[in-house]
Amino acid sequence: MQLLLNSPWDVCFEPINEIVYIAMAGQHQIWEHNITDGTTRAFSGDGYERNLNGGWGIVLKEVLFDSLE
């Protein structure tokens, strides 16, 4: 089976387990490719672009705009 890479942005090799991590910008995921057995799968991300890192955008907006009043 062949997989198409959708805008690969960067790679990182983990030598102990022989895994290549691929940052897929087009799919908003990190894939892992196991060199030993040849399998490739999504490691992280569900394919949706969004910010789930806490509400920093909201907090920053309140700090900036409240300071102008």
C-alpha atoms as a PDB file:
ATOM      1  CA  MET A   1       0.000   0.000   0.000  1.00  0.00           C
ATOM      2  CA  GLN A   2       1.231   3.505  -0.783  1.00  0.00           C
ATOM      3  CA  LEU A   3       0.519   6.607   1.271  1.00  0.00           C
ATOM      4  CA  LEU A   4       0.660  10.116  -0.121  1.00  0.00           C
ATOM      5  CA  LEU A   5       2.409  12.685   2.022  1.00  0.00           C
ATOM      6  CA  ASN A   6       0.332  15.865   2.371  1.00  0.00           C
ATOM      7  CA  SER A   7       2.729  18.797   2.778  1.00  0.00           C
ATOM      8  CA  PRO A   8       5.394  17.125   4.938  1.00  0.00           C
ATOM      9  CA  TRP A   9       7.024  19.913   6.904  1.00  0.00           C
ATOM     10  CA  ASP A  10       9.794  18.232   8.881  1.00  0.00           C
ATOM     11  CA  VAL A  11      11.048  14.855  10.077  1.00  0.00           C
ATOM     12  CA  CYS A  12      12.726  13.546  13.207  1.00  0.00           C
ATOM     13  CA  PHE A  13      14.462  10.173  13.553  1.00  0.00           C
ATOM     14  CA  GLU A  14      14.269   8.273  16.844  1.00  0.00           C
ATOM     15  CA  PRO A  15      17.163   5.785  16.579  1.00  0.00           C
ATOM     16  CA  ILE A  16      16.432   3.466  19.528  1.00  0.00           C
ATOM     17  CA  ASN A  17      13.101   2.234  18.128  1.00  0.00           C
ATOM     18  CA  GLU A  18      13.959   3.182  14.518  1.00  0.00           C
ATOM     19  CA  ILE A  19      10.933   5.440  14.060  1.00  0.00           C
ATOM     20  CA  VAL A  20      10.720   8.462  11.782  1.00  0.00           C
ATOM     21  CA  TYR A  21       8.242  11.126  12.913  1.00  0.00           C
ATOM     22  CA  ILE A  22       6.822  13.234  10.080  1.00  0.00           C
ATOM     23  CA  ALA A  23       5.134  16.603  10.652  1.00  0.00           C
ATOM     24  CA  MET A  24       2.286  16.719   8.131  1.00  0.00           C
ATOM     25  CA  ALA A  25       1.336  20.383   7.703  1.00  0.00           C
ATOM     26  CA  GLY A  26      -1.465  19.661   5.254  1.00  0.00           C
ATOM     27  CA  GLN A  27      -3.248  17.260   7.596  1.00  0.00           C
ATOM     28  CA  HIS A  28      -2.325  18.913  10.891  1.00  0.00           C
ATOM     29  CA  GLN A  29      -0.947  15.608  12.174  1.00  0.00           C
ATOM     30  CA  ILE A  30       2.285  13.940  13.160  1.00  0.00           C
ATOM     31  CA  TRP A  31       2.813  10.562  11.537  1.00  0.00           C
ATOM     32  CA  GLU A  32       5.213   7.856  12.614  1.00  0.00           C
ATOM     33  CA  HIS A  33       6.945   5.477  10.253  1.00  0.00           C
ATOM     34  CA  ASN A  34       8.490   2.353  11.765  1.00  0.00           C
ATOM     35  CA  ILE A  35      11.569   1.508   9.713  1.00  0.00           C
ATOM     36  CA  THR A  36      11.781  -2.007  11.168  1.00  0.00           C
ATOM     37  CA  ASP A  37       8.375  -3.285  10.033  1.00  0.00           C
ATOM     38  CA  GLY A  38       7.497  -0.630   7.415  1.00  0.00           C
ATOM     39  CA  THR A  39       4.253   0.518   9.037  1.00  0.00           C
ATOM     40  CA  THR A  40       3.112   4.132   8.917  1.00  0.00           C
ATOM     41  CA  ARG A  41       0.307   5.574  11.043  1.00  0.00           C
ATOM     42  CA  ALA A  42      -0.999   8.809  12.497  1.00  0.00           C
ATOM     43  CA  PHE A  43       0.793   9.390  15.803  1.00  0.00           C
ATOM     44  CA  SER A  44      -0.857  12.640  16.902  1.00  0.00           C
ATOM     45  CA  GLY A  45      -3.642  14.923  15.710  1.00  0.00           C
ATOM     46  CA  ASP A  46      -7.058  14.302  14.225  1.00  0.00           C
ATOM     47  CA  GLY A  47      -6.678  16.335  11.042  1.00  0.00           C
ATOM     48  CA  TYR A  48      -8.511  19.456  12.218  1.00  0.00           C
ATOM     49  CA  GLU A  49      -6.781  22.814  12.530  1.00  0.00           C
ATOM     50  CA  ARG A  50      -7.536  24.475  15.861  1.00  0.00           C
ATOM     51  CA  ASN A  51      -5.861  25.698  19.030  1.00  0.00           C
ATOM     52  CA  LEU A  52      -6.432  23.420  22.026  1.00  0.00           C
ATOM     53  CA  ASN A  53      -3.557  24.745  24.129  1.00  0.00           C
ATOM     54  CA  GLY A  54      -5.725  26.543  26.666  1.00  0.00           C
ATOM     55  CA  GLY A  55      -7.490  29.870  26.176  1.00  0.00           C
ATOM     56  CA  TRP A  56      -4.413  32.028  25.594  1.00  0.00           C
ATOM     57  CA  GLY A  57      -6.018  33.917  22.722  1.00  0.00           C
ATOM     58  CA  ILE A  58      -8.924  34.941  24.926  1.00  0.00           C
ATOM     59  CA  VAL A  59      -6.702  35.825  27.891  1.00  0.00           C
ATOM     60  CA  LEU A  60      -4.348  37.874  25.723  1.00  0.00           C
ATOM     61  CA  LYS A  61      -7.289  39.704  24.117  1.00  0.00           C
ATOM     62  CA  GLU A  62      -8.698  40.617  27.545  1.00  0.00           C
ATOM     63  CA  VAL A  63      -5.319  41.833  28.803  1.00  0.00           C
ATOM     64  CA  LEU A  64      -4.692  43.960  25.721  1.00  0.00           C
ATOM     65  CA  PHE A  65      -8.125  45.515  25.427  1.00  0.00           C
ATOM     66  CA  ASP A  66      -8.738  45.967  29.166  1.00  0.00           C
ATOM     67  CA  SER A  67      -5.460  47.887  29.440  1.00  0.00           C
ATOM     68  CA  LEU A  68      -6.707  50.385  26.823  1.00  0.00           C
ATOM     69  CA  GLU A  69      -9.750  51.377  28.875  1.00  0.00           C
END
